[in-house]
Amino acid sequence: MSKQILFEILTPIDLIVEVSRRRWEVIISIKHPAMLGAETLVGEVLSNPDQIRRSRRDSKVLLFYKAQRPKRWICAVVKRLNDKATLVTAYPTNAIKVGDVIWTR
């Protein structure tokens, strides 16, 4: 059974992030309903972030941040698997998590 891909995005660190339809449904229906209809926005966060940080809890997890307005960002969380990555979740936030900055605009 093939995985249905909703979209793939190339990030500024040359990592391809894959977003499956199934994962996106979990994000918008269970984890963060506020992201309903925000596929394009998440694609922009991944392709044109303000900052990328490595998670302190899991070195394979990267957090992509893009400012929406003062003290408000969209965060896209991806898990790296060799030369590709998958979207774990995406959500609006008023704080950037602590972690090593690996890329900044």
Foldseek 3Di string as FASTA:
>chain_A
DDFAWPDWAQAPVRAIETETPVLVCCQCPPNAVVCVPVPVVVNCQRHPAQFKFADPVDRQKIWGWHDPDQQKIKIWIWGDDPRYIYTNYIYMGSDDDDGHIPDGD
